[in-house]
């Protein structure tokens, strides 16, 4: 599939985390002002009869619901991060998996997730 249209929605959340065995030691608990950007596309790559690739309102609502699961808490306490490190990379994969499942019934797919840990550091995951 060659994607013709890409739709981006974003959400923000505040959360604490720490990496277990980061470079040989456990990192101290600390927080970030996170932003998550989700790029989505219709499975066909095009637009529907209403000239829409992916519904902004629905996609944003679903992304915000996922961000709310992490907001104002310790990410390490939320599955699967109670067992795996809550690195930006793992958080991006989690959002891609969870959002992908949430939008599948709308004939949409996640093409990229970018996690911002503050204003200058980010990681992008493309499933």
PDB file of N, CA and C in Angstrom:
ATOM      1  N   UNK A   1       0.840  -1.177   0.000  1.00  0.00           N
ATOM      2  CA  UNK A   1       0.000   0.000   0.000  1.00  0.00           C
ATOM      3  C   UNK A   1       0.886   1.241   0.000  1.00  0.00           C
ATOM      4  N   UNK A   2       0.594   2.163  -0.856  1.00  0.00           N
ATOM      5  CA  UNK A   2       1.248   3.467  -0.840  1.00  0.00           C
ATOM      6  C   UNK A   2       0.288   4.434  -0.171  1.00  0.00           C
ATOM      7  N   UNK A   3       0.700   4.962   0.966  1.00  0.00           N
ATOM      8  CA  UNK A   3      -0.173   5.873   1.699  1.00  0.00           C
ATOM      9  C   UNK A   3      -0.235   7.212   0.989  1.00  0.00           C
ATOM     10  N   UNK A   4      -1.452   7.670   0.732  1.00  0.00           N
ATOM     11  CA  UNK A   4      -1.662   8.958   0.091  1.00  0.00           C
ATOM     12  C   UNK A   4      -1.936  10.043   1.115  1.00  0.00           C
ATOM     13  N   UNK A   5      -2.627   9.680   2.199  1.00  0.00           N
ATOM     14  CA  UNK A   5      -2.980  10.642   3.229  1.00  0.00           C
ATOM     15  C   UNK A   5      -2.524  10.113   4.583  1.00  0.00           C
ATOM     16  N   UNK A   6      -1.935  10.992   5.367  1.00  0.00           N
ATOM     17  CA  UNK A   6      -1.549  10.676   6.728  1.00  0.00           C
ATOM     18  C   UNK A   6      -2.203  11.709   7.640  1.00  0.00           C
ATOM     19  N   UNK A   7      -2.846  11.243   8.688  1.00  0.00           N
ATOM     20  CA  UNK A   7      -3.526  12.094   9.652  1.00  0.00           C
ATOM     21  C   UNK A   7      -2.739  12.042  10.952  1.00  0.00           C
ATOM     22  N   UNK A   8      -2.507  13.196  11.575  1.00  0.00           N
ATOM     23  CA  UNK A   8      -1.764  13.235  12.840  1.00  0.00           C
ATOM     24  C   UNK A   8      -2.646  13.823  13.930  1.00  0.00           C
ATOM     25  N   UNK A   9      -2.690  13.118  15.062  1.00  0.00           N
ATOM     26  CA  UNK A   9      -3.346  13.631  16.269  1.00  0.00           C
ATOM     27  C   UNK A   9      -2.328  13.540  17.393  1.00  0.00           C
ATOM     28  N   UNK A  10      -2.533  14.351  18.428  1.00  0.00           N
ATOM     29  CA  UNK A  10      -1.588  14.322  19.540  1.00  0.00           C
ATOM     30  C   UNK A  10      -2.326  14.446  20.861  1.00  0.00           C
ATOM     31  N   UNK A  11      -1.632  13.997  21.897  1.00  0.00           N
ATOM     32  CA  UNK A  11      -2.128  14.105  23.267  1.00  0.00           C
ATOM     33  C   UNK A  11      -0.927  14.379  24.156  1.00  0.00           C
ATOM     34  N   UNK A  12      -1.211  14.891  25.326  1.00  0.00           N
ATOM     35  CA  UNK A  12      -0.151  15.196  26.296  1.00  0.00           C
ATOM     36  C   UNK A  12      -0.477  14.525  27.615  1.00  0.00           C
ATOM     37  N   UNK A  13       0.583  14.196  28.357  1.00  0.00           N
ATOM     38  CA  UNK A  13       0.397  13.655  29.702  1.00  0.00           C
ATOM     39  C   UNK A  13       1.642  13.927  30.526  1.00  0.00           C
ATOM     40  N   UNK A  14       1.431  13.992  31.823  1.00  0.00           N
ATOM     41  CA  UNK A  14       2.509  14.182  32.793  1.00  0.00           C
ATOM     42  C   UNK A  14       2.678  12.862  33.520  1.00  0.00           C
ATOM     43  N   UNK A  15       3.900  12.377  33.599  1.00  0.00           N
ATOM     44  CA  UNK A  15       4.101  11.092  34.273  1.00  0.00           C
ATOM     45  C   UNK A  15       5.525  10.961  34.783  1.00  0.00           C
ATOM     46  N   UNK A  16       5.658  10.131  35.783  1.00  0.00           N
ATOM     47  CA  UNK A  16       6.973   9.769  36.318  1.00  0.00           C
ATOM     48  C   UNK A  16       7.334   8.380  35.824  1.00  0.00           C
ATOM     49  N   UNK A  17       8.632   8.100  35.813  1.00  0.00           N
ATOM     50  CA  UNK A  17       9.102   6.755  35.491  1.00  0.00           C
ATOM     51  C   UNK A  17      10.563   6.632  35.924  1.00  0.00           C
ATOM     52  N   UNK A  18      11.035   5.422  35.867  1.00  0.00           N
ATOM     53  CA  UNK A  18      12.469   5.163  36.044  1.00  0.00           C
ATOM     54  C   UNK A  18      12.805   3.923  35.242  1.00  0.00           C
ATOM     55  N   UNK A  19      14.021   3.855  34.765  1.00  0.00           N
ATOM     56  CA  UNK A  19      14.475   2.684  34.015  1.00  0.00           C
ATOM     57  C   UNK A  19      15.202   1.751  34.967  1.00  0.00           C
ATOM     58  N   UNK A  20      14.813   0.488  34.929  1.00  0.00           N
ATOM     59  CA  UNK A  20      15.476  -0.537  35.742  1.00  0.00           C
ATOM     60  C   UNK A  20      16.768  -0.947  35.045  1.00  0.00           C
ATOM     61  N   UNK A  21      17.821  -1.035  35.793  1.00  0.00           N
ATOM     62  CA  UNK A  21      19.119  -1.474  35.247  1.00  0.00           C
ATOM     63  C   UNK A  21      19.521  -0.651  34.032  1.00  0.00           C
ATOM     64  N   UNK A  22      19.405   0.647  34.161  1.00  0.00           N
ATOM     65  CA  UNK A  22      19.840   1.557  33.101  1.00  0.00           C
ATOM     66  C   UNK A  22      21.348   1.707  33.198  1.00  0.00           C
ATOM     67  N   UNK A  23      22.048   1.184  32.230  1.00  0.00           N
ATOM     68  CA  UNK A  23      23.510   1.231  32.199  1.00  0.00           C
ATOM     69  C   UNK A  23      24.112   0.684  33.490  1.00  0.00           C
ATOM     70  N   UNK A  24      23.468  -0.380  34.003  1.00  0.00           N
ATOM     71  CA  UNK A  24      24.007  -1.066  35.172  1.00  0.00           C
ATOM     72  C   UNK A  24      23.436  -0.638  36.500  1.00  0.00           C
ATOM     73  N   UNK A  25      22.667   0.452  36.541  1.00  0.00           N
ATOM     74  CA  UNK A  25      22.040   0.879  37.789  1.00  0.00           C
ATOM     75  C   UNK A  25      20.592   1.257  37.511  1.00  0.00           C
ATOM     76  N   UNK A  26      19.774   1.262  38.545  1.00  0.00           N
ATOM     77  CA  UNK A  26      18.401   1.731  38.375  1.00  0.00           C
ATOM     78  C   UNK A  26      18.407   3.253  38.425  1.00  0.00           C
ATOM     79  N   UNK A  27      17.737   3.828  37.459  1.00  0.00           N
ATOM     80  CA  UNK A  27      17.637   5.274  37.351  1.00  0.00           C
ATOM     81  C   UNK A  27      16.723   5.794  38.472  1.00  0.00           C
ATOM     82  N   UNK A  28      16.973   6.979  39.006  1.00  0.00           N
ATOM     83  CA  UNK A  28      16.046   7.511  40.010  1.00  0.00           C
ATOM     84  C   UNK A  28      14.702   7.881  39.378  1.00  0.00           C
ATOM     85  N   UNK A  29      13.657   7.808  40.191  1.00  0.00           N
ATOM     86  CA  UNK A  29      12.334   8.209  39.750  1.00  0.00           C
ATOM     87  C   UNK A  29      12.368   9.682  39.349  1.00  0.00           C
ATOM     88  N   UNK A  30      11.821   9.990  38.183  1.00  0.00           N
ATOM     89  CA  UNK A  30      11.771  11.362  37.694  1.00  0.00           C
ATOM     90  C   UNK A  30      10.579  11.489  36.754  1.00  0.00           C
ATOM     91  N   UNK A  31      10.229  12.725  36.416  1.00  0.00           N
ATOM     92  CA  UNK A  31       9.048  12.939  35.593  1.00  0.00           C
ATOM     93  C   UNK A  31       9.341  13.667  34.309  1.00  0.00           C
ATOM     94  N   UNK A  32       8.378  13.588  33.405  1.00  0.00           N
ATOM     95  CA  UNK A  32       8.456  14.273  32.118  1.00  0.00           C
ATOM     96  C   UNK A  32       7.094  14.854  31.779  1.00  0.00           C
ATOM     97  N   UNK A  33       7.100  15.895  30.991  1.00  0.00           N
ATOM     98  CA  UNK A  33       5.904  16.375  30.312  1.00  0.00           C
ATOM     99  C   UNK A  33       5.944  15.727  28.930  1.00  0.00           C
ATOM    100  N   UNK A  34       5.149  14.694  28.755  1.00  0.00           N
ATOM    101  CA  UNK A  34       5.161  13.919  27.521  1.00  0.00           C
ATOM    102  C   UNK A  34       4.179  14.486  26.505  1.00  0.00           C
ATOM    103  N   UNK A  35       4.532  14.305  25.247  1.00  0.00           N
ATOM    104  CA  UNK A  35       3.593  14.508  24.145  1.00  0.00           C
ATOM    105  C   UNK A  35       3.679  13.260  23.294  1.00  0.00           C
ATOM    106  N   UNK A  36       2.530  12.749  22.866  1.00  0.00           N
ATOM    107  CA  UNK A  36       2.499  11.619  21.947  1.00  0.00           C
ATOM    108  C   UNK A  36       1.812  12.079  20.668  1.00  0.00           C
ATOM    109  N   UNK A  37       2.482  11.861  19.545  1.00  0.00           N
ATOM    110  CA  UNK A  37       1.927  12.151  18.230  1.00  0.00           C
ATOM    111  C   UNK A  37       1.661  10.827  17.535  1.00  0.00           C
ATOM    112  N   UNK A  38       0.464  10.685  17.014  1.00  0.00           N
ATOM    113  CA  UNK A  38       0.093   9.467  16.298  1.00  0.00           C
ATOM    114  C   UNK A  38      -0.208   9.802  14.849  1.00  0.00           C
ATOM    115  N   UNK A  39       0.482   9.138  13.943  1.00  0.00           N
ATOM    116  CA  UNK A  39       0.203   9.264  12.517  1.00  0.00           C
ATOM    117  C   UNK A  39      -0.617   8.046  12.113  1.00  0.00           C
ATOM    118  N   UNK A  40      -1.728   8.307  11.447  1.00  0.00           N
ATOM    119  CA  UNK A  40      -2.640   7.247  11.040  1.00  0.00           C
ATOM    120  C   UNK A  40      -2.978   7.386   9.567  1.00  0.00           C
ATOM    121  N   UNK A  41      -3.442   6.305   8.990  1.00  0.00           N
ATOM    122  CA  UNK A  41      -3.882   6.307   7.601  1.00  0.00           C
ATOM    123  C   UNK A  41      -5.025   5.314   7.456  1.00  0.00           C
ATOM    124  N   UNK A  42      -5.838   5.527   6.444  1.00  0.00           N
ATOM    125  CA  UNK A  42      -6.855   4.542   6.102  1.00  0.00           C
ATOM    126  C   UNK A  42      -6.143   3.308   5.559  1.00  0.00           C
ATOM    127  N   UNK A  43      -6.710   2.139   5.793  1.00  0.00           N
ATOM    128  CA  UNK A  43      -6.081   0.902   5.283  1.00  0.00           C
ATOM    129  C   UNK A  43      -5.857   0.977   3.770  1.00  0.00           C
ATOM    130  N   UNK A  44      -6.751   1.645   3.072  1.00  0.00           N
ATOM    131  CA  UNK A  44      -6.628   1.762   1.622  1.00  0.00           C
ATOM    132  C   UNK A  44      -5.603   2.827   1.228  1.00  0.00           C
ATOM    133  N   UNK A  45      -5.256   3.701   2.178  1.00  0.00           N
ATOM    134  CA  UNK A  45      -4.343   4.792   1.885  1.00  0.00           C
ATOM    135  C   UNK A  45      -5.054   6.029   1.376  1.00  0.00           C
ATOM    136  N   UNK A  46      -6.274   5.851   0.948  1.00  0.00           N
ATOM    137  CA  UNK A  46      -7.007   6.974   0.360  1.00  0.00           C
ATOM    138  C   UNK A  46      -8.013   7.573   1.320  1.00  0.00           C
ATOM    139  N   UNK A  47      -9.120   8.039   0.756  1.00  0.00           N
ATOM    140  CA  UNK A  47     -10.182   8.661   1.536  1.00  0.00           C
ATOM    141  C   UNK A  47     -11.493   7.931   1.286  1.00  0.00           C
ATOM    142  N   UNK A  48     -12.445   8.138   2.206  1.00  0.00           N
ATOM    143  CA  UNK A  48     -13.748   7.476   2.059  1.00  0.00           C
ATOM    144  C   UNK A  48     -14.728   8.347   1.272  1.00  0.00           C
ATOM    145  N   UNK A  49     -15.976   7.932   1.250  1.00  0.00           N
ATOM    146  CA  UNK A  49     -17.004   8.665   0.494  1.00  0.00           C
ATOM    147  C   UNK A  49     -17.255  10.069   1.035  1.00  0.00           C
ATOM    148  N   UNK A  50     -16.867  10.294   2.283  1.00  0.00           N
ATOM    149  CA  UNK A  50     -17.003  11.625   2.887  1.00  0.00           C
ATOM    150  C   UNK A  50     -15.729  12.450   2.725  1.00  0.00           C
ATOM    151  N   UNK A  51     -14.778  11.948   1.943  1.00  0.00           N
ATOM    152  CA  UNK A  51     -13.498  12.612   1.701  1.00  0.00           C
ATOM    153  C   UNK A  51     -12.631  12.691   2.964  1.00  0.00           C
ATOM    154  N   UNK A  52     -12.710  11.638   3.803  1.00  0.00           N
ATOM    155  CA  UNK A  52     -11.938  11.569   5.047  1.00  0.00           C
ATOM    156  C   UNK A  52     -11.064  10.320   5.023  1.00  0.00           C
ATOM    157  N   UNK A  53      -9.803  10.500   5.386  1.00  0.00           N
ATOM    158  CA  UNK A  53      -8.896   9.352   5.500  1.00  0.00           C
ATOM    159  C   UNK A  53      -9.106   8.664   6.848  1.00  0.00           C
ATOM    160  N   UNK A  54      -8.957   9.434   7.932  1.00  0.00           N
ATOM    161  CA  UNK A  54      -9.163   8.946   9.296  1.00  0.00           C
ATOM    162  C   UNK A  54      -9.875  10.068  10.052  1.00  0.00           C
ATOM    163  N   UNK A  55     -10.875   9.710  10.825  1.00  0.00           N
ATOM    164  CA  UNK A  55     -11.649  10.692  11.585  1.00  0.00           C
ATOM    165  C   UNK A  55     -10.785  11.271  12.709  1.00  0.00           C
ATOM    166  N   UNK A  56     -10.452  12.577  12.598  1.00  0.00           N
ATOM    167  CA  UNK A  56      -9.635  13.254  13.613  1.00  0.00           C
ATOM    168  C   UNK A  56     -10.238  13.113  15.011  1.00  0.00           C
ATOM    169  N   UNK A  57     -11.532  13.379  15.110  1.00  0.00           N
ATOM    170  CA  UNK A  57     -12.194  13.429  16.417  1.00  0.00           C
ATOM    171  C   UNK A  57     -12.103  12.078  17.119  1.00  0.00           C
ATOM    172  N   UNK A  58     -12.440  11.033  16.406  1.00  0.00           N
ATOM    173  CA  UNK A  58     -12.403   9.690  16.989  1.00  0.00           C
ATOM    174  C   UNK A  58     -10.979   9.274  17.343  1.00  0.00           C
ATOM    175  N   UNK A  59     -10.041   9.511  16.434  1.00  0.00           N
ATOM    176  CA  UNK A  59      -8.645   9.110  16.684  1.00  0.00           C
ATOM    177  C   UNK A  59      -8.074   9.867  17.883  1.00  0.00           C
ATOM    178  N   UNK A  60      -8.356  11.155  17.969  1.00  0.00           N
ATOM    179  CA  UNK A  60      -7.847  11.953  19.091  1.00  0.00           C
ATOM    180  C   UNK A  60      -8.454  11.487  20.407  1.00  0.00           C
ATOM    181  N   UNK A  61      -9.736  11.206  20.406  1.00  0.00           N
ATOM    182  CA  UNK A  61     -10.402  10.725  21.620  1.00  0.00           C
ATOM    183  C   UNK A  61      -9.770   9.420  22.096  1.00  0.00           C
ATOM    184  N   UNK A  62      -9.487   8.524  21.177  1.00  0.00           N
ATOM    185  CA  UNK A  62      -8.891   7.238  21.543  1.00  0.00           C
ATOM    186  C   UNK A  62      -7.450   7.406  22.028  1.00  0.00           C
ATOM    187  N   UNK A  63      -6.702   8.300  21.397  1.00  0.00           N
ATOM    188  CA  UNK A  63      -5.332   8.559  21.832  1.00  0.00           C
ATOM    189  C   UNK A  63      -5.325   9.200  23.225  1.00  0.00           C
ATOM    190  N   UNK A  64      -6.218  10.151  23.456  1.00  0.00           N
ATOM    191  CA  UNK A  64      -6.292  10.804  24.764  1.00  0.00           C
ATOM    192  C   UNK A  64      -6.693   9.818  25.860  1.00  0.00           C
ATOM    193  N   UNK A  65      -7.550   8.860  25.534  1.00  0.00           N
ATOM    194  CA  UNK A  65      -7.939   7.844  26.521  1.00  0.00           C
ATOM    195  C   UNK A  65      -6.732   6.999  26.919  1.00  0.00           C
ATOM    196  N   UNK A  66      -5.872   6.686  25.967  1.00  0.00           N
ATOM    197  CA  UNK A  66      -4.657   5.930  26.287  1.00  0.00           C
ATOM    198  C   UNK A  66      -3.696   6.771  27.120  1.00  0.00           C
ATOM    199  N   UNK A  67      -3.519   8.037  26.750  1.00  0.00           N
ATOM    200  CA  UNK A  67      -2.627   8.918  27.505  1.00  0.00           C
ATOM    201  C   UNK A  67      -3.113   9.066  28.939  1.00  0.00           C
ATOM    202  N   UNK A  68      -4.416   9.089  29.130  1.00  0.00           N
ATOM    203  CA  UNK A  68      -4.993   9.232  30.465  1.00  0.00           C
ATOM    204  C   UNK A  68      -4.591   8.061  31.378  1.00  0.00           C
ATOM    205  N   UNK A  69      -4.360   6.893  30.804  1.00  0.00           N
ATOM    206  CA  UNK A  69      -3.929   5.730  31.599  1.00  0.00           C
ATOM    207  C   UNK A  69      -2.563   5.956  32.242  1.00  0.00           C
ATOM    208  N   UNK A  70      -1.764   6.859  31.657  1.00  0.00           N
ATOM    209  CA  UNK A  70      -0.416   7.127  32.164  1.00  0.00           C
ATOM    210  C   UNK A  70      -0.325   8.464  32.898  1.00  0.00           C
ATOM    211  N   UNK A  71      -1.325   9.323  32.709  1.00  0.00           N
ATOM    212  CA  UNK A  71      -1.273  10.700  33.193  1.00  0.00           C
ATOM    213  C   UNK A  71      -1.246  10.762  34.722  1.00  0.00           C
ATOM    214  N   UNK A  72      -0.348  11.580  35.248  1.00  0.00           N
ATOM    215  CA  UNK A  72      -0.216  11.857  36.679  1.00  0.00           C
ATOM    216  C   UNK A  72      -0.032  10.599  37.516  1.00  0.00           C
ATOM    217  N   UNK A  73       0.754   9.674  36.991  1.00  0.00           N
ATOM    218  CA  UNK A  73       1.090   8.484  37.745  1.00  0.00           C
ATOM    219  C   UNK A  73       2.515   8.081  37.447  1.00  0.00           C
ATOM    220  N   UNK A  74       2.879   6.932  37.961  1.00  0.00           N
ATOM    221  CA  UNK A  74       4.190   6.349  37.664  1.00  0.00           C
ATOM    222  C   UNK A  74       3.986   5.290  36.591  1.00  0.00           C
ATOM    223  N   UNK A  75       4.588   5.479  35.446  1.00  0.00           N
ATOM    224  CA  UNK A  75       4.408   4.560  34.320  1.00  0.00           C
ATOM    225  C   UNK A  75       4.822   3.144  34.715  1.00  0.00           C
ATOM    226  N   UNK A  76       5.815   3.023  35.590  1.00  0.00           N
ATOM    227  CA  UNK A  76       6.277   1.700  36.026  1.00  0.00           C
ATOM    228  C   UNK A  76       5.172   0.885  36.701  1.00  0.00           C
ATOM    229  N   UNK A  77       4.105   1.533  37.158  1.00  0.00           N
ATOM    230  CA  UNK A  77       3.011   0.836  37.842  1.00  0.00           C
ATOM    231  C   UNK A  77       1.940   0.339  36.881  1.00  0.00           C
ATOM    232  N   UNK A  78       2.040   0.701  35.599  1.00  0.00           N
ATOM    233  CA  UNK A  78       1.029   0.353  34.601  1.00  0.00           C
ATOM    234  C   UNK A  78       1.550  -0.792  33.732  1.00  0.00           C
ATOM    235  N   UNK A  79       0.739  -1.854  33.594  1.00  0.00           N
ATOM    236  CA  UNK A  79       1.135  -2.974  32.720  1.00  0.00           C
ATOM    237  C   UNK A  79       1.235  -2.469  31.285  1.00  0.00           C
ATOM    238  N   UNK A  80       2.200  -2.901  30.516  1.00  0.00           N
ATOM    239  CA  UNK A  80       3.222  -3.902  30.793  1.00  0.00           C
ATOM    240  C   UNK A  80       4.498  -3.335  31.418  1.00  0.00           C
ATOM    241  N   UNK A  81       4.463  -2.038  31.779  1.00  0.00           N
ATOM    242  CA  UNK A  81       5.678  -1.383  32.260  1.00  0.00           C
ATOM    243  C   UNK A  81       6.029  -1.777  33.681  1.00  0.00           C
ATOM    244  N   UNK A  82       5.169  -2.561  34.320  1.00  0.00           N
ATOM    245  CA  UNK A  82       5.517  -3.132  35.610  1.00  0.00           C
ATOM    246  C   UNK A  82       6.519  -4.284  35.425  1.00  0.00           C
ATOM    247  N   UNK A  83       6.676  -4.732  34.157  1.00  0.00           N
ATOM    248  CA  UNK A  83       7.625  -5.811  33.856  1.00  0.00           C
ATOM    249  C   UNK A  83       8.700  -5.410  32.849  1.00  0.00           C
ATOM    250  N   UNK A  84       8.403  -4.423  31.990  1.00  0.00           N
ATOM    251  CA  UNK A  84       9.399  -3.973  31.016  1.00  0.00           C
ATOM    252  C   UNK A  84       9.737  -2.511  31.286  1.00  0.00           C
ATOM    253  N   UNK A  85      10.906  -2.090  30.868  1.00  0.00           N
ATOM    254  CA  UNK A  85      11.324  -0.717  31.101  1.00  0.00           C
ATOM    255  C   UNK A  85      10.421   0.271  30.355  1.00  0.00           C
ATOM    256  N   UNK A  86       9.995   1.331  31.031  1.00  0.00           N
ATOM    257  CA  UNK A  86       9.190   2.355  30.378  1.00  0.00           C
ATOM    258  C   UNK A  86      10.064   3.377  29.653  1.00  0.00           C
ATOM    259  N   UNK A  87      10.872   2.878  28.744  1.00  0.00           N
ATOM    260  CA  UNK A  87      11.679   3.760  27.896  1.00  0.00           C
ATOM    261  C   UNK A  87      10.746   4.410  26.879  1.00  0.00           C
ATOM    262  N   UNK A  88      11.174   5.500  26.304  1.00  0.00           N
ATOM    263  CA  UNK A  88      10.367   6.146  25.267  1.00  0.00           C
ATOM    264  C   UNK A  88      10.080   5.168  24.129  1.00  0.00           C
ATOM    265  N   UNK A  89      11.047   4.319  23.824  1.00  0.00           N
ATOM    266  CA  UNK A  89      10.862   3.335  22.750  1.00  0.00           C
ATOM    267  C   UNK A  89       9.734   2.358  23.094  1.00  0.00           C
ATOM    268  N   UNK A  90       9.757   1.825  24.325  1.00  0.00           N
ATOM    269  CA  UNK A  90       8.706   0.884  24.728  1.00  0.00           C
ATOM    270  C   UNK A  90       7.354   1.574  24.857  1.00  0.00           C
ATOM    271  N   UNK A  91       7.352   2.816  25.319  1.00  0.00           N
ATOM    272  CA  UNK A  91       6.096   3.571  25.413  1.00  0.00           C
ATOM    273  C   UNK A  91       5.525   3.798  24.013  1.00  0.00           C
ATOM    274  N   UNK A  92       6.372   4.107  23.048  1.00  0.00           N
ATOM    275  CA  UNK A  92       5.920   4.300  21.665  1.00  0.00           C
ATOM    276  C   UNK A  92       5.310   3.017  21.114  1.00  0.00           C
ATOM    277  N   UNK A  93       5.956   1.884  21.357  1.00  0.00           N
ATOM    278  CA  UNK A  93       5.404   0.608  20.885  1.00  0.00           C
ATOM    279  C   UNK A  93       4.065   0.313  21.533  1.00  0.00           C
ATOM    280  N   UNK A  94       3.935   0.613  22.819  1.00  0.00           N
ATOM    281  CA  UNK A  94       2.680   0.395  23.540  1.00  0.00           C
ATOM    282  C   UNK A  94       1.561   1.230  22.925  1.00  0.00           C
ATOM    283  N   UNK A  95       1.825   2.522  22.701  1.00  0.00           N
ATOM    284  CA  UNK A  95       0.813   3.368  22.070  1.00  0.00           C
ATOM    285  C   UNK A  95       0.449   2.836  20.687  1.00  0.00           C
ATOM    286  N   UNK A  96       1.423   2.413  19.909  1.00  0.00           N
ATOM    287  CA  UNK A  96       1.140   1.901  18.559  1.00  0.00           C
ATOM    288  C   UNK A  96       0.237   0.670  18.627  1.00  0.00           C
ATOM    289  N   UNK A  97       0.552  -0.228  19.522  1.00  0.00           N
ATOM    290  CA  UNK A  97      -0.234  -1.467  19.657  1.00  0.00           C
ATOM    291  C   UNK A  97      -1.653  -1.160  20.142  1.00  0.00           C
ATOM    292  N   UNK A  98      -1.754  -0.363  21.210  1.00  0.00           N
ATOM    293  CA  UNK A  98      -3.062  -0.086  21.803  1.00  0.00           C
ATOM    294  C   UNK A  98      -3.936   0.777  20.886  1.00  0.00           C
ATOM    295  N   UNK A  99      -3.357   1.808  20.299  1.00  0.00           N
ATOM    296  CA  UNK A  99      -4.129   2.662  19.404  1.00  0.00           C
ATOM    297  C   UNK A  99      -4.496   1.911  18.129  1.00  0.00           C
ATOM    298  N   UNK A 100      -3.564   1.100  17.632  1.00  0.00           N
ATOM    299  CA  UNK A 100      -3.852   0.304  16.443  1.00  0.00           C
ATOM    300  C   UNK A 100      -5.065  -0.584  16.641  1.00  0.00           C
ATOM    301  N   UNK A 101      -5.158  -1.216  17.819  1.00  0.00           N
ATOM    302  CA  UNK A 101      -6.319  -2.058  18.126  1.00  0.00           C
ATOM    303  C   UNK A 101      -7.587  -1.210  18.240  1.00  0.00           C
ATOM    304  N   UNK A 102      -7.465  -0.013  18.798  1.00  0.00           N
ATOM    305  CA  UNK A 102      -8.629   0.853  19.013  1.00  0.00           C
ATOM    306  C   UNK A 102      -9.206   1.418  17.718  1.00  0.00           C
ATOM    307  N   UNK A 103      -8.362   1.634  16.702  1.00  0.00           N
ATOM    308  CA  UNK A 103      -8.859   2.226  15.452  1.00  0.00           C
ATOM    309  C   UNK A 103      -9.090   1.192  14.347  1.00  0.00           C
ATOM    310  N   UNK A 104      -8.798  -0.050  14.627  1.00  0.00           N
ATOM    311  CA  UNK A 104      -8.940  -1.088  13.598  1.00  0.00           C
ATOM    312  C   UNK A 104     -10.366  -1.186  13.075  1.00  0.00           C
ATOM    313  N   UNK A 105     -11.348  -0.976  13.954  1.00  0.00           N
ATOM    314  CA  UNK A 105     -12.742  -1.068  13.532  1.00  0.00           C
ATOM    315  C   UNK A 105     -13.180   0.114  12.670  1.00  0.00           C
ATOM    316  N   UNK A 106     -12.312   1.106  12.532  1.00  0.00           N
ATOM    317  CA  UNK A 106     -12.603   2.265  11.687  1.00  0.00           C
ATOM    318  C   UNK A 106     -11.807   2.212  10.380  1.00  0.00           C
ATOM    319  N   UNK A 107     -11.292   1.034  10.064  1.00  0.00           N
ATOM    320  CA  UNK A 107     -10.528   0.834   8.839  1.00  0.00           C
ATOM    321  C   UNK A 107      -9.284   1.715   8.790  1.00  0.00           C
ATOM    322  N   UNK A 108      -8.702   1.962   9.973  1.00  0.00           N
ATOM    323  CA  UNK A 108      -7.511   2.804  10.071  1.00  0.00           C
ATOM    324  C   UNK A 108      -6.354   1.993  10.650  1.00  0.00           C
ATOM    325  N   UNK A 109      -5.165   2.483  10.415  1.00  0.00           N
ATOM    326  CA  UNK A 109      -3.980   1.862  11.001  1.00  0.00           C
ATOM    327  C   UNK A 109      -2.999   2.937  11.428  1.00  0.00           C
ATOM    328  N   UNK A 110      -2.180   2.572  12.407  1.00  0.00           N
ATOM    329  CA  UNK A 110      -1.153   3.475  12.922  1.00  0.00           C
ATOM    330  C   UNK A 110       0.089   3.316  12.057  1.00  0.00           C
ATOM    331  N   UNK A 111       0.583   4.420  11.519  1.00  0.00           N
ATOM    332  CA  UNK A 111       1.793   4.354  10.690  1.00  0.00           C
ATOM    333  C   UNK A 111       3.033   4.825  11.448  1.00  0.00           C
ATOM    334  N   UNK A 112       2.840   5.620  12.503  1.00  0.00           N
ATOM    335  CA  UNK A 112       3.979   6.055  13.323  1.00  0.00           C
ATOM    336  C   UNK A 112       3.470   6.622  14.637  1.00  0.00           C
ATOM    337  N   UNK A 113       4.278   6.447  15.661  1.00  0.00           N
ATOM    338  CA  UNK A 113       4.047   7.064  16.965  1.00  0.00           C
ATOM    339  C   UNK A 113       5.333   7.770  17.357  1.00  0.00           C
ATOM    340  N   UNK A 114       5.222   9.035  17.740  1.00  0.00           N
ATOM    341  CA  UNK A 114       6.370   9.774  18.265  1.00  0.00           C
ATOM    342  C   UNK A 114       6.079  10.138  19.708  1.00  0.00           C
ATOM    343  N   UNK A 115       7.004   9.786  20.579  1.00  0.00           N
ATOM    344  CA  UNK A 115       6.926  10.126  22.000  1.00  0.00           C
ATOM    345  C   UNK A 115       7.952  11.205  22.271  1.00  0.00           C
ATOM    346  N   UNK A 116       7.475  12.314  22.813  1.00  0.00           N
ATOM    347  CA  UNK A 116       8.345  13.418  23.220  1.00  0.00           C
ATOM    348  C   UNK A 116       8.488  13.386  24.733  1.00  0.00           C
ATOM    349  N   UNK A 117       9.723  13.293  25.211  1.00  0.00           N
ATOM    350  CA  UNK A 117      10.017  13.431  26.640  1.00  0.00           C
ATOM    351  C   UNK A 117      10.479  14.863  26.843  1.00  0.00           C
ATOM    352  N   UNK A 118       9.534  15.764  26.982  1.00  0.00           N
ATOM    353  CA  UNK A 118       9.863  17.180  27.055  1.00  0.00           C
ATOM    354  C   UNK A 118       9.941  17.766  25.661  1.00  0.00           C
ATOM    355  N   UNK A 119      10.435  19.008  25.564  1.00  0.00           N
ATOM    356  CA  UNK A 119      10.365  19.728  24.292  1.00  0.00           C
ATOM    357  C   UNK A 119      11.429  19.370  23.255  1.00  0.00           C
ATOM    358  N   UNK A 120      12.480  18.647  23.625  1.00  0.00           N
ATOM    359  CA  UNK A 120      13.570  18.459  22.662  1.00  0.00           C
ATOM    360  C   UNK A 120      13.937  17.010  22.361  1.00  0.00           C
ATOM    361  N   UNK A 121      13.566  16.055  23.210  1.00  0.00           N
ATOM    362  CA  UNK A 121      13.942  14.662  22.989  1.00  0.00           C
ATOM    363  C   UNK A 121      12.738  13.833  22.591  1.00  0.00           C
ATOM    364  N   UNK A 122      12.891  13.103  21.486  1.00  0.00           N
ATOM    365  CA  UNK A 122      11.764  12.274  21.022  1.00  0.00           C
ATOM    366  C   UNK A 122      12.280  10.998  20.386  1.00  0.00           C
ATOM    367  N   UNK A 123      11.379  10.049  20.273  1.00  0.00           N
ATOM    368  CA  UNK A 123      11.644   8.804  19.544  1.00  0.00           C
ATOM    369  C   UNK A 123      10.416   8.510  18.699  1.00  0.00           C
ATOM    370  N   UNK A 124      10.627   8.006  17.492  1.00  0.00           N
ATOM    371  CA  UNK A 124       9.534   7.638  16.607  1.00  0.00           C
ATOM    372  C   UNK A 124       9.593   6.152  16.326  1.00  0.00           C
ATOM    373  N   UNK A 125       8.450   5.503  16.451  1.00  0.00           N
ATOM    374  CA  UNK A 125       8.304   4.087  16.150  1.00  0.00           C
ATOM    375  C   UNK A 125       7.354   3.946  14.979  1.00  0.00           C
ATOM    376  N   UNK A 126       7.758   3.164  13.982  1.00  0.00           N
ATOM    377  CA  UNK A 126       6.906   2.882  12.822  1.00  0.00           C
ATOM    378  C   UNK A 126       6.631   1.395  12.771  1.00  0.00           C
ATOM    379  N   UNK A 127       5.399   1.013  13.117  1.00  0.00           N
ATOM    380  CA  UNK A 127       5.070  -0.437  13.121  1.00  0.00           C
ATOM    381  C   UNK A 127       5.100  -1.034  11.723  1.00  0.00           C
TER     382      UNK A 127
END
